[in-house]
Amino acid sequence: MEKITIDDVMEYDYLVTLAPSFILERMAKRNSNLVDKFKSVIQSYMDNLSMEQSNKLTAILNSDVSELQKIMMDSYLKTNKKQYKILANPDYKNFIVLNLDELRKMI
């Protein structure tokens, strides 16, 4: 499996920052299906991905969640965007798993 990098994750910054940080954290605490809330926007974005972007997205979706969370923390340290810090929180691992599963269904 292809190893993902911070640059791969940062390429999808638009999707990560769709929800303001206070909403993202509230949804993460509740383990909510965020993908469902933004389904049409996400689908539109995914429909316009190049083959390379699509392959990177697949690599991200197939990555270990703990590895993804480490990259999210690196992304937070690089950008200072609270959404990355929230997604890096180990307490929200189930939230990430749920939403990655929902994204996989859309591909």
PDB file of N, CA and C in Angstrom:
ATOM      1  N   MET A   1       0.844  -1.189   0.000  1.00  0.00           N
ATOM      2  CA  MET A   1       0.000   0.000   0.000  1.00  0.00           C
ATOM      3  C   MET A   1       0.886   1.249   0.000  1.00  0.00           C
ATOM      4  N   GLU A   2       0.453   2.238  -0.731  1.00  0.00           N
ATOM      5  CA  GLU A   2       1.192   3.494  -0.845  1.00  0.00           C
ATOM      6  C   GLU A   2       1.195   4.231   0.494  1.00  0.00           C
ATOM      7  N   LYS A   3       2.351   4.728   0.894  1.00  0.00           N
ATOM      8  CA  LYS A   3       2.477   5.482   2.142  1.00  0.00           C
ATOM      9  C   LYS A   3       2.025   6.917   1.884  1.00  0.00           C
ATOM     10  N   ILE A   4       1.164   7.403   2.757  1.00  0.00           N
ATOM     11  CA  ILE A   4       0.682   8.770   2.577  1.00  0.00           C
ATOM     12  C   ILE A   4       1.556   9.744   3.361  1.00  0.00           C
ATOM     13  N   THR A   5       1.522  10.986   2.914  1.00  0.00           N
ATOM     14  CA  THR A   5       2.331  12.032   3.523  1.00  0.00           C
ATOM     15  C   THR A   5       1.435  13.199   3.934  1.00  0.00           C
ATOM     16  N   ILE A   6       2.022  14.123   4.631  1.00  0.00           N
ATOM     17  CA  ILE A   6       1.302  15.332   5.025  1.00  0.00           C
ATOM     18  C   ILE A   6       0.818  16.091   3.780  1.00  0.00           C
ATOM     19  N   ASP A   7       1.610  16.069   2.717  1.00  0.00           N
ATOM     20  CA  ASP A   7       1.214  16.761   1.485  1.00  0.00           C
ATOM     21  C   ASP A   7      -0.031  16.124   0.862  1.00  0.00           C
ATOM     22  N   ASP A   8      -0.124  14.795   0.963  1.00  0.00           N
ATOM     23  CA  ASP A   8      -1.312  14.108   0.448  1.00  0.00           C
ATOM     24  C   ASP A   8      -2.559  14.567   1.201  1.00  0.00           C
ATOM     25  N   VAL A   9      -2.435  14.654   2.513  1.00  0.00           N
ATOM     26  CA  VAL A   9      -3.574  15.082   3.338  1.00  0.00           C
ATOM     27  C   VAL A   9      -3.897  16.548   3.073  1.00  0.00           C
ATOM     28  N   MET A  10      -2.869  17.360   2.971  1.00  0.00           N
ATOM     29  CA  MET A  10      -3.079  18.791   2.766  1.00  0.00           C
ATOM     30  C   MET A  10      -3.771  19.080   1.427  1.00  0.00           C
ATOM     31  N   GLU A  11      -3.628  18.181   0.479  1.00  0.00           N
ATOM     32  CA  GLU A  11      -4.298  18.355  -0.807  1.00  0.00           C
ATOM     33  C   GLU A  11      -5.827  18.341  -0.647  1.00  0.00           C
ATOM     34  N   TYR A  12      -6.301  17.728   0.425  1.00  0.00           N
ATOM     35  CA  TYR A  12      -7.748  17.633   0.691  1.00  0.00           C
ATOM     36  C   TYR A  12      -8.166  18.572   1.813  1.00  0.00           C
ATOM     37  N   ASP A  13      -7.385  19.607   2.005  1.00  0.00           N
ATOM     38  CA  ASP A  13      -7.660  20.611   3.029  1.00  0.00           C
ATOM     39  C   ASP A  13      -9.082  21.154   2.904  1.00  0.00           C
ATOM     40  N   TYR A  14      -9.536  21.340   1.696  1.00  0.00           N
ATOM     41  CA  TYR A  14     -10.886  21.850   1.449  1.00  0.00           C
ATOM     42  C   TYR A  14     -11.931  20.985   2.144  1.00  0.00           C
ATOM     43  N   LEU A  15     -11.782  19.670   2.034  1.00  0.00           N
ATOM     44  CA  LEU A  15     -12.757  18.763   2.650  1.00  0.00           C
ATOM     45  C   LEU A  15     -12.644  18.772   4.174  1.00  0.00           C
ATOM     46  N   VAL A  16     -11.415  18.848   4.670  1.00  0.00           N
ATOM     47  CA  VAL A  16     -11.186  18.835   6.111  1.00  0.00           C
ATOM     48  C   VAL A  16     -11.775  20.078   6.765  1.00  0.00           C
ATOM     49  N   THR A  17     -11.751  21.192   6.055  1.00  0.00           N
ATOM     50  CA  THR A  17     -12.198  22.454   6.646  1.00  0.00           C
ATOM     51  C   THR A  17     -13.619  22.855   6.224  1.00  0.00           C
ATOM     52  N   LEU A  18     -14.373  21.930   5.641  1.00  0.00           N
ATOM     53  CA  LEU A  18     -15.765  22.234   5.273  1.00  0.00           C
ATOM     54  C   LEU A  18     -16.572  22.697   6.480  1.00  0.00           C
ATOM     55  N   ALA A  19     -16.371  22.018   7.593  1.00  0.00           N
ATOM     56  CA  ALA A  19     -17.100  22.370   8.812  1.00  0.00           C
ATOM     57  C   ALA A  19     -16.215  23.246   9.688  1.00  0.00           C
ATOM     58  N   PRO A  20     -16.774  24.329  10.233  1.00  0.00           N
ATOM     59  CA  PRO A  20     -16.008  25.127  11.196  1.00  0.00           C
ATOM     60  C   PRO A  20     -15.581  24.243  12.370  1.00  0.00           C
ATOM     61  N   SER A  21     -14.469  24.591  13.002  1.00  0.00           N
ATOM     62  CA  SER A  21     -13.894  23.729  14.040  1.00  0.00           C
ATOM     63  C   SER A  21     -14.863  23.432  15.185  1.00  0.00           C
ATOM     64  N   PHE A  22     -15.668  24.425  15.610  1.00  0.00           N
ATOM     65  CA  PHE A  22     -16.573  24.169  16.733  1.00  0.00           C
ATOM     66  C   PHE A  22     -17.670  23.172  16.354  1.00  0.00           C
ATOM     67  N   ILE A  23     -18.093  23.182  15.103  1.00  0.00           N
ATOM     68  CA  ILE A  23     -19.083  22.199  14.638  1.00  0.00           C
ATOM     69  C   ILE A  23     -18.426  20.831  14.493  1.00  0.00           C
ATOM     70  N   LEU A  24     -17.233  20.803  13.929  1.00  0.00           N
ATOM     71  CA  LEU A  24     -16.513  19.544  13.766  1.00  0.00           C
ATOM     72  C   LEU A  24     -16.307  18.865  15.118  1.00  0.00           C
ATOM     73  N   GLU A  25     -15.898  19.636  16.110  1.00  0.00           N
ATOM     74  CA  GLU A  25     -15.660  19.038  17.426  1.00  0.00           C
ATOM     75  C   GLU A  25     -16.957  18.513  18.041  1.00  0.00           C
ATOM     76  N   ARG A  26     -18.016  19.249  17.902  1.00  0.00           N
ATOM     77  CA  ARG A  26     -19.313  18.801  18.424  1.00  0.00           C
ATOM     78  C   ARG A  26     -19.728  17.489  17.743  1.00  0.00           C
ATOM     79  N   MET A  27     -19.553  17.428  16.437  1.00  0.00           N
ATOM     80  CA  MET A  27     -19.923  16.220  15.700  1.00  0.00           C
ATOM     81  C   MET A  27     -18.999  15.052  16.058  1.00  0.00           C
ATOM     82  N   ALA A  28     -17.724  15.333  16.259  1.00  0.00           N
ATOM     83  CA  ALA A  28     -16.780  14.282  16.638  1.00  0.00           C
ATOM     84  C   ALA A  28     -17.132  13.720  18.013  1.00  0.00           C
ATOM     85  N   LYS A  29     -17.486  14.598  18.948  1.00  0.00           N
ATOM     86  CA  LYS A  29     -17.869  14.142  20.290  1.00  0.00           C
ATOM     87  C   LYS A  29     -19.093  13.239  20.238  1.00  0.00           C
ATOM     88  N   ARG A  30     -19.987  13.530  19.315  1.00  0.00           N
ATOM     89  CA  ARG A  30     -21.218  12.740  19.175  1.00  0.00           C
ATOM     90  C   ARG A  30     -21.056  11.561  18.218  1.00  0.00           C
ATOM     91  N   ASN A  31     -19.862  11.441  17.634  1.00  0.00           N
ATOM     92  CA  ASN A  31     -19.586  10.397  16.634  1.00  0.00           C
ATOM     93  C   ASN A  31     -20.611  10.450  15.500  1.00  0.00           C
ATOM     94  N   SER A  32     -20.831  11.651  14.983  1.00  0.00           N
ATOM     95  CA  SER A  32     -21.824  11.887  13.937  1.00  0.00           C
ATOM     96  C   SER A  32     -21.278  11.606  12.547  1.00  0.00           C
ATOM     97  N   ASN A  33     -22.197  11.358  11.646  1.00  0.00           N
ATOM     98  CA  ASN A  33     -21.856  11.128  10.246  1.00  0.00           C
ATOM     99  C   ASN A  33     -21.759  12.486   9.540  1.00  0.00           C
ATOM    100  N   LEU A  34     -20.573  13.031   9.534  1.00  0.00           N
ATOM    101  CA  LEU A  34     -20.328  14.339   8.916  1.00  0.00           C
ATOM    102  C   LEU A  34     -20.425  14.256   7.398  1.00  0.00           C
ATOM    103  N   VAL A  35     -20.002  13.145   6.818  1.00  0.00           N
ATOM    104  CA  VAL A  35     -20.039  12.975   5.364  1.00  0.00           C
ATOM    105  C   VAL A  35     -21.469  13.108   4.857  1.00  0.00           C
ATOM    106  N   ASP A  36     -22.402  12.530   5.585  1.00  0.00           N
ATOM    107  CA  ASP A  36     -23.798  12.604   5.175  1.00  0.00           C
ATOM    108  C   ASP A  36     -24.299  14.048   5.151  1.00  0.00           C
ATOM    109  N   LYS A  37     -23.842  14.864   6.085  1.00  0.00           N
ATOM    110  CA  LYS A  37     -24.267  16.271   6.157  1.00  0.00           C
ATOM    111  C   LYS A  37     -23.770  17.092   4.969  1.00  0.00           C
ATOM    112  N   PHE A  38     -22.619  16.706   4.434  1.00  0.00           N
ATOM    113  CA  PHE A  38     -22.000  17.458   3.339  1.00  0.00           C
ATOM    114  C   PHE A  38     -21.907  16.622   2.060  1.00  0.00           C
ATOM    115  N   LYS A  39     -22.758  15.628   1.945  1.00  0.00           N
ATOM    116  CA  LYS A  39     -22.669  14.643   0.857  1.00  0.00           C
ATOM    117  C   LYS A  39     -22.622  15.274  -0.533  1.00  0.00           C
ATOM    118  N   SER A  40     -23.503  16.206  -0.824  1.00  0.00           N
ATOM    119  CA  SER A  40     -23.545  16.779  -2.177  1.00  0.00           C
ATOM    120  C   SER A  40     -22.278  17.578  -2.486  1.00  0.00           C
ATOM    121  N   VAL A  41     -21.770  18.315  -1.507  1.00  0.00           N
ATOM    122  CA  VAL A  41     -20.539  19.088  -1.715  1.00  0.00           C
ATOM    123  C   VAL A  41     -19.360  18.146  -1.917  1.00  0.00           C
ATOM    124  N   ILE A  42     -19.296  17.111  -1.097  1.00  0.00           N
ATOM    125  CA  ILE A  42     -18.210  16.136  -1.206  1.00  0.00           C
ATOM    126  C   ILE A  42     -18.279  15.409  -2.546  1.00  0.00           C
ATOM    127  N   GLN A  43     -19.473  15.000  -2.945  1.00  0.00           N
ATOM    128  CA  GLN A  43     -19.627  14.281  -4.209  1.00  0.00           C
ATOM    129  C   GLN A  43     -19.199  15.154  -5.381  1.00  0.00           C
ATOM    130  N   SER A  44     -19.586  16.407  -5.363  1.00  0.00           N
ATOM    131  CA  SER A  44     -19.196  17.336  -6.420  1.00  0.00           C
ATOM    132  C   SER A  44     -17.671  17.465  -6.481  1.00  0.00           C
ATOM    133  N   TYR A  45     -17.051  17.580  -5.324  1.00  0.00           N
ATOM    134  CA  TYR A  45     -15.594  17.689  -5.254  1.00  0.00           C
ATOM    135  C   TYR A  45     -14.935  16.414  -5.789  1.00  0.00           C
ATOM    136  N   MET A  46     -15.455  15.263  -5.365  1.00  0.00           N
ATOM    137  CA  MET A  46     -14.872  13.981  -5.772  1.00  0.00           C
ATOM    138  C   MET A  46     -15.059  13.720  -7.266  1.00  0.00           C
ATOM    139  N   ASP A  47     -16.152  14.196  -7.827  1.00  0.00           N
ATOM    140  CA  ASP A  47     -16.408  14.009  -9.253  1.00  0.00           C
ATOM    141  C   ASP A  47     -15.388  14.736 -10.130  1.00  0.00           C
ATOM    142  N   ASN A  48     -14.726  15.733  -9.564  1.00  0.00           N
ATOM    143  CA  ASN A  48     -13.779  16.539 -10.334  1.00  0.00           C
ATOM    144  C   ASN A  48     -12.314  16.217 -10.036  1.00  0.00           C
ATOM    145  N   LEU A  49     -12.070  15.104  -9.346  1.00  0.00           N
ATOM    146  CA  LEU A  49     -10.695  14.729  -9.034  1.00  0.00           C
ATOM    147  C   LEU A  49     -10.000  14.148 -10.265  1.00  0.00           C
ATOM    148  N   SER A  50      -8.732  14.451 -10.400  1.00  0.00           N
ATOM    149  CA  SER A  50      -7.926  13.817 -11.448  1.00  0.00           C
ATOM    150  C   SER A  50      -7.661  12.372 -11.019  1.00  0.00           C
ATOM    151  N   MET A  51      -7.117  11.574 -11.925  1.00  0.00           N
ATOM    152  CA  MET A  51      -6.796  10.179 -11.599  1.00  0.00           C
ATOM    153  C   MET A  51      -5.778  10.124 -10.456  1.00  0.00           C
ATOM    154  N   GLU A  52      -4.778  10.997 -10.506  1.00  0.00           N
ATOM    155  CA  GLU A  52      -3.753  11.038  -9.459  1.00  0.00           C
ATOM    156  C   GLU A  52      -4.386  11.397  -8.105  1.00  0.00           C
ATOM    157  N   GLN A  53      -5.259  12.402  -8.097  1.00  0.00           N
ATOM    158  CA  GLN A  53      -5.935  12.794  -6.858  1.00  0.00           C
ATOM    159  C   GLN A  53      -6.821  11.665  -6.332  1.00  0.00           C
ATOM    160  N   SER A  54      -7.495  11.000  -7.237  1.00  0.00           N
ATOM    161  CA  SER A  54      -8.351   9.882  -6.858  1.00  0.00           C
ATOM    162  C   SER A  54      -7.527   8.754  -6.238  1.00  0.00           C
ATOM    163  N   ASN A  55      -6.372   8.479  -6.804  1.00  0.00           N
ATOM    164  CA  ASN A  55      -5.487   7.447  -6.256  1.00  0.00           C
ATOM    165  C   ASN A  55      -4.976   7.831  -4.868  1.00  0.00           C
ATOM    166  N   LYS A  56      -4.638   9.108  -4.696  1.00  0.00           N
ATOM    167  CA  LYS A  56      -4.189   9.571  -3.376  1.00  0.00           C
ATOM    168  C   LYS A  56      -5.314   9.463  -2.357  1.00  0.00           C
ATOM    169  N   LEU A  57      -6.512   9.821  -2.776  1.00  0.00           N
ATOM    170  CA  LEU A  57      -7.655   9.725  -1.869  1.00  0.00           C
ATOM    171  C   LEU A  57      -7.884   8.271  -1.461  1.00  0.00           C
ATOM    172  N   THR A  58      -7.770   7.364  -2.401  1.00  0.00           N
ATOM    173  CA  THR A  58      -7.922   5.941  -2.100  1.00  0.00           C
ATOM    174  C   THR A  58      -6.857   5.497  -1.099  1.00  0.00           C
ATOM    175  N   ALA A  59      -5.625   5.965  -1.282  1.00  0.00           N
ATOM    176  CA  ALA A  59      -4.545   5.622  -0.349  1.00  0.00           C
ATOM    177  C   ALA A  59      -4.861   6.145   1.051  1.00  0.00           C
ATOM    178  N   ILE A  60      -5.398   7.357   1.135  1.00  0.00           N
ATOM    179  CA  ILE A  60      -5.770   7.927   2.431  1.00  0.00           C
ATOM    180  C   ILE A  60      -6.886   7.100   3.065  1.00  0.00           C
ATOM    181  N   LEU A  61      -7.884   6.763   2.268  1.00  0.00           N
ATOM    182  CA  LEU A  61      -9.021   6.007   2.792  1.00  0.00           C
ATOM    183  C   LEU A  61      -8.619   4.605   3.251  1.00  0.00           C
ATOM    184  N   ASN A  62      -7.560   4.075   2.685  1.00  0.00           N
ATOM    185  CA  ASN A  62      -7.100   2.734   3.049  1.00  0.00           C
ATOM    186  C   ASN A  62      -6.002   2.750   4.107  1.00  0.00           C
ATOM    187  N   SER A  63      -5.668   3.918   4.614  1.00  0.00           N
ATOM    188  CA  SER A  63      -4.608   4.035   5.614  1.00  0.00           C
ATOM    189  C   SER A  63      -5.111   3.666   7.004  1.00  0.00           C
ATOM    190  N   ASP A  64      -4.174   3.290   7.840  1.00  0.00           N
ATOM    191  CA  ASP A  64      -4.456   3.027   9.243  1.00  0.00           C
ATOM    192  C   ASP A  64      -4.862   4.349   9.913  1.00  0.00           C
ATOM    193  N   VAL A  65      -5.919   4.310  10.701  1.00  0.00           N
ATOM    194  CA  VAL A  65      -6.436   5.539  11.313  1.00  0.00           C
ATOM    195  C   VAL A  65      -5.411   6.169  12.251  1.00  0.00           C
ATOM    196  N   SER A  66      -4.664   5.363  12.976  1.00  0.00           N
ATOM    197  CA  SER A  66      -3.636   5.919  13.874  1.00  0.00           C
ATOM    198  C   SER A  66      -2.573   6.679  13.080  1.00  0.00           C
ATOM    199  N   GLU A  67      -2.191   6.127  11.929  1.00  0.00           N
ATOM    200  CA  GLU A  67      -1.225   6.809  11.057  1.00  0.00           C
ATOM    201  C   GLU A  67      -1.823   8.120  10.533  1.00  0.00           C
ATOM    202  N   LEU A  68      -3.085   8.067  10.134  1.00  0.00           N
ATOM    203  CA  LEU A  68      -3.762   9.279   9.662  1.00  0.00           C
ATOM    204  C   LEU A  68      -3.798  10.339  10.748  1.00  0.00           C
ATOM    205  N   GLN A  69      -4.062   9.918  11.969  1.00  0.00           N
ATOM    206  CA  GLN A  69      -4.141  10.898  13.059  1.00  0.00           C
ATOM    207  C   GLN A  69      -2.788  11.546  13.336  1.00  0.00           C
ATOM    208  N   LYS A  70      -1.721  10.800  13.181  1.00  0.00           N
ATOM    209  CA  LYS A  70      -0.382  11.390  13.331  1.00  0.00           C
ATOM    210  C   LYS A  70      -0.159  12.451  12.249  1.00  0.00           C
ATOM    211  N   ILE A  71      -0.573  12.132  11.034  1.00  0.00           N
ATOM    212  CA  ILE A  71      -0.422  13.083   9.929  1.00  0.00           C
ATOM    213  C   ILE A  71      -1.324  14.307  10.165  1.00  0.00           C
ATOM    214  N   MET A  72      -2.505  14.082  10.724  1.00  0.00           N
ATOM    215  CA  MET A  72      -3.392  15.208  11.049  1.00  0.00           C
ATOM    216  C   MET A  72      -2.733  16.135  12.067  1.00  0.00           C
ATOM    217  N   MET A  73      -2.034  15.564  13.055  1.00  0.00           N
ATOM    218  CA  MET A  73      -1.338  16.406  14.035  1.00  0.00           C
ATOM    219  C   MET A  73      -0.222  17.191  13.355  1.00  0.00           C
ATOM    220  N   ASP A  74       0.515  16.545  12.457  1.00  0.00           N
ATOM    221  CA  ASP A  74       1.558  17.256  11.703  1.00  0.00           C
ATOM    222  C   ASP A  74       0.943  18.381  10.871  1.00  0.00           C
ATOM    223  N   SER A  75      -0.221  18.107  10.285  1.00  0.00           N
ATOM    224  CA  SER A  75      -0.916  19.129   9.491  1.00  0.00           C
ATOM    225  C   SER A  75      -1.342  20.296  10.375  1.00  0.00           C
ATOM    226  N   TYR A  76      -1.806  19.982  11.573  1.00  0.00           N
ATOM    227  CA  TYR A  76      -2.188  21.044  12.515  1.00  0.00           C
ATOM    228  C   TYR A  76      -0.968  21.901  12.864  1.00  0.00           C
ATOM    229  N   LEU A  77       0.151  21.256  13.153  1.00  0.00           N
ATOM    230  CA  LEU A  77       1.364  22.001  13.526  1.00  0.00           C
ATOM    231  C   LEU A  77       1.848  22.880  12.368  1.00  0.00           C
ATOM    232  N   LYS A  78       1.606  22.424  11.153  1.00  0.00           N
ATOM    233  CA  LYS A  78       2.029  23.181   9.967  1.00  0.00           C
ATOM    234  C   LYS A  78       1.075  24.339   9.659  1.00  0.00           C
ATOM    235  N   THR A  79      -0.239  24.127   9.861  1.00  0.00           N
ATOM    236  CA  THR A  79      -1.229  25.118   9.430  1.00  0.00           C
ATOM    237  C   THR A  79      -1.922  25.863  10.573  1.00  0.00           C
ATOM    238  N   ASN A  80      -1.888  25.278  11.750  1.00  0.00           N
ATOM    239  CA  ASN A  80      -2.590  25.814  12.915  1.00  0.00           C
ATOM    240  C   ASN A  80      -4.116  25.809  12.728  1.00  0.00           C
ATOM    241  N   LYS A  81      -4.623  24.965  11.844  1.00  0.00           N
ATOM    242  CA  LYS A  81      -6.073  24.847  11.637  1.00  0.00           C
ATOM    243  C   LYS A  81      -6.624  23.857  12.655  1.00  0.00           C
ATOM    244  N   LYS A  82      -7.577  24.325  13.436  1.00  0.00           N
ATOM    245  CA  LYS A  82      -8.098  23.526  14.548  1.00  0.00           C
ATOM    246  C   LYS A  82      -8.746  22.222  14.087  1.00  0.00           C
ATOM    247  N   GLN A  83      -9.269  22.202  12.875  1.00  0.00           N
ATOM    248  CA  GLN A  83      -9.896  20.975  12.372  1.00  0.00           C
ATOM    249  C   GLN A  83      -8.905  19.809  12.384  1.00  0.00           C
ATOM    250  N   TYR A  84      -7.656  20.072  12.019  1.00  0.00           N
ATOM    251  CA  TYR A  84      -6.648  19.008  12.029  1.00  0.00           C
ATOM    252  C   TYR A  84      -6.375  18.527  13.452  1.00  0.00           C
ATOM    253  N   LYS A  85      -6.321  19.465  14.391  1.00  0.00           N
ATOM    254  CA  LYS A  85      -6.080  19.097  15.797  1.00  0.00           C
ATOM    255  C   LYS A  85      -7.218  18.218  16.319  1.00  0.00           C
ATOM    256  N   ILE A  86      -8.434  18.576  15.974  1.00  0.00           N
ATOM    257  CA  ILE A  86      -9.598  17.790  16.395  1.00  0.00           C
ATOM    258  C   ILE A  86      -9.501  16.376  15.824  1.00  0.00           C
ATOM    259  N   LEU A  87      -9.198  16.272  14.535  1.00  0.00           N
ATOM    260  CA  LEU A  87      -9.111  14.965  13.887  1.00  0.00           C
ATOM    261  C   LEU A  87      -7.924  14.141  14.390  1.00  0.00           C
ATOM    262  N   ALA A  88      -6.925  14.798  14.949  1.00  0.00           N
ATOM    263  CA  ALA A  88      -5.758  14.090  15.492  1.00  0.00           C
ATOM    264  C   ALA A  88      -6.030  13.528  16.886  1.00  0.00           C
ATOM    265  N   ASN A  89      -7.097  13.956  17.522  1.00  0.00           N
ATOM    266  CA  ASN A  89      -7.412  13.528  18.886  1.00  0.00           C
ATOM    267  C   ASN A  89      -7.795  12.045  18.899  1.00  0.00           C
ATOM    268  N   PRO A  90      -7.032  11.223  19.635  1.00  0.00           N
ATOM    269  CA  PRO A  90      -7.337   9.782  19.686  1.00  0.00           C
ATOM    270  C   PRO A  90      -8.748   9.474  20.197  1.00  0.00           C
ATOM    271  N   ASP A  91      -9.324  10.371  20.964  1.00  0.00           N
ATOM    272  CA  ASP A  91     -10.696  10.171  21.462  1.00  0.00           C
ATOM    273  C   ASP A  91     -11.710  10.133  20.328  1.00  0.00           C
ATOM    274  N   TYR A  92     -11.346  10.678  19.175  1.00  0.00           N
ATOM    275  CA  TYR A  92     -12.278  10.761  18.046  1.00  0.00           C
ATOM    276  C   TYR A  92     -11.972   9.739  16.946  1.00  0.00           C
ATOM    277  N   LYS A  93     -11.245   8.703  17.303  1.00  0.00           N
ATOM    278  CA  LYS A  93     -10.886   7.670  16.322  1.00  0.00           C
ATOM    279  C   LYS A  93     -12.133   7.041  15.689  1.00  0.00           C
ATOM    280  N   ASN A  94     -13.142   6.734  16.486  1.00  0.00           N
ATOM    281  CA  ASN A  94     -14.361   6.122  15.945  1.00  0.00           C
ATOM    282  C   ASN A  94     -15.075   7.058  14.976  1.00  0.00           C
ATOM    283  N   PHE A  95     -15.036   8.345  15.255  1.00  0.00           N
ATOM    284  CA  PHE A  95     -15.613   9.345  14.365  1.00  0.00           C
ATOM    285  C   PHE A  95     -14.921   9.290  12.995  1.00  0.00           C
ATOM    286  N   ILE A  96     -13.611   9.182  13.020  1.00  0.00           N
ATOM    287  CA  ILE A  96     -12.853   9.111  11.765  1.00  0.00           C
ATOM    288  C   ILE A  96     -13.177   7.828  11.017  1.00  0.00           C
ATOM    289  N   VAL A  97     -13.215   6.712  11.729  1.00  0.00           N
ATOM    290  CA  VAL A  97     -13.532   5.425  11.102  1.00  0.00           C
ATOM    291  C   VAL A  97     -14.900   5.490  10.428  1.00  0.00           C
ATOM    292  N   LEU A  98     -15.889   6.002  11.139  1.00  0.00           N
ATOM    293  CA  LEU A  98     -17.248   6.118  10.596  1.00  0.00           C
ATOM    294  C   LEU A  98     -17.260   6.945   9.315  1.00  0.00           C
ATOM    295  N   ASN A  99     -16.622   8.086   9.346  1.00  0.00           N
ATOM    296  CA  ASN A  99     -16.663   8.982   8.200  1.00  0.00           C
ATOM    297  C   ASN A  99     -15.805   8.498   7.030  1.00  0.00           C
ATOM    298  N   LEU A 100     -14.709   7.821   7.309  1.00  0.00           N
ATOM    299  CA  LEU A 100     -13.930   7.217   6.228  1.00  0.00           C
ATOM    300  C   LEU A 100     -14.736   6.123   5.556  1.00  0.00           C
ATOM    301  N   ASP A 101     -15.460   5.355   6.357  1.00  0.00           N
ATOM    302  CA  ASP A 101     -16.343   4.326   5.770  1.00  0.00           C
ATOM    303  C   ASP A 101     -17.391   4.951   4.859  1.00  0.00           C
ATOM    304  N   GLU A 102     -17.941   6.078   5.283  1.00  0.00           N
ATOM    305  CA  GLU A 102     -18.949   6.768   4.463  1.00  0.00           C
ATOM    306  C   GLU A 102     -18.323   7.298   3.173  1.00  0.00           C
ATOM    307  N   LEU A 103     -17.112   7.815   3.245  1.00  0.00           N
ATOM    308  CA  LEU A 103     -16.422   8.283   2.039  1.00  0.00           C
ATOM    309  C   LEU A 103     -16.137   7.125   1.087  1.00  0.00           C
ATOM    310  N   ARG A 104     -15.743   5.979   1.635  1.00  0.00           N
ATOM    311  CA  ARG A 104     -15.480   4.813   0.794  1.00  0.00           C
ATOM    312  C   ARG A 104     -16.720   4.409   0.012  1.00  0.00           C
ATOM    313  N   LYS A 105     -17.881   4.519   0.632  1.00  0.00           N
ATOM    314  CA  LYS A 105     -19.140   4.168  -0.036  1.00  0.00           C
ATOM    315  C   LYS A 105     -19.418   5.088  -1.225  1.00  0.00           C
ATOM    316  N   MET A 106     -18.881   6.287  -1.188  1.00  0.00           N
ATOM    317  CA  MET A 106     -19.146   7.270  -2.246  1.00  0.00           C
ATOM    318  C   MET A 106     -18.261   7.051  -3.470  1.00  0.00           C
ATOM    319  N   ILE A 107     -17.181   6.324  -3.298  1.00  0.00           N
ATOM    320  CA  ILE A 107     -16.234   6.137  -4.414  1.00  0.00           C
ATOM    321  C   ILE A 107     -16.738   5.070  -5.364  1.00  0.00           C
TER     322      ILE A 107
END
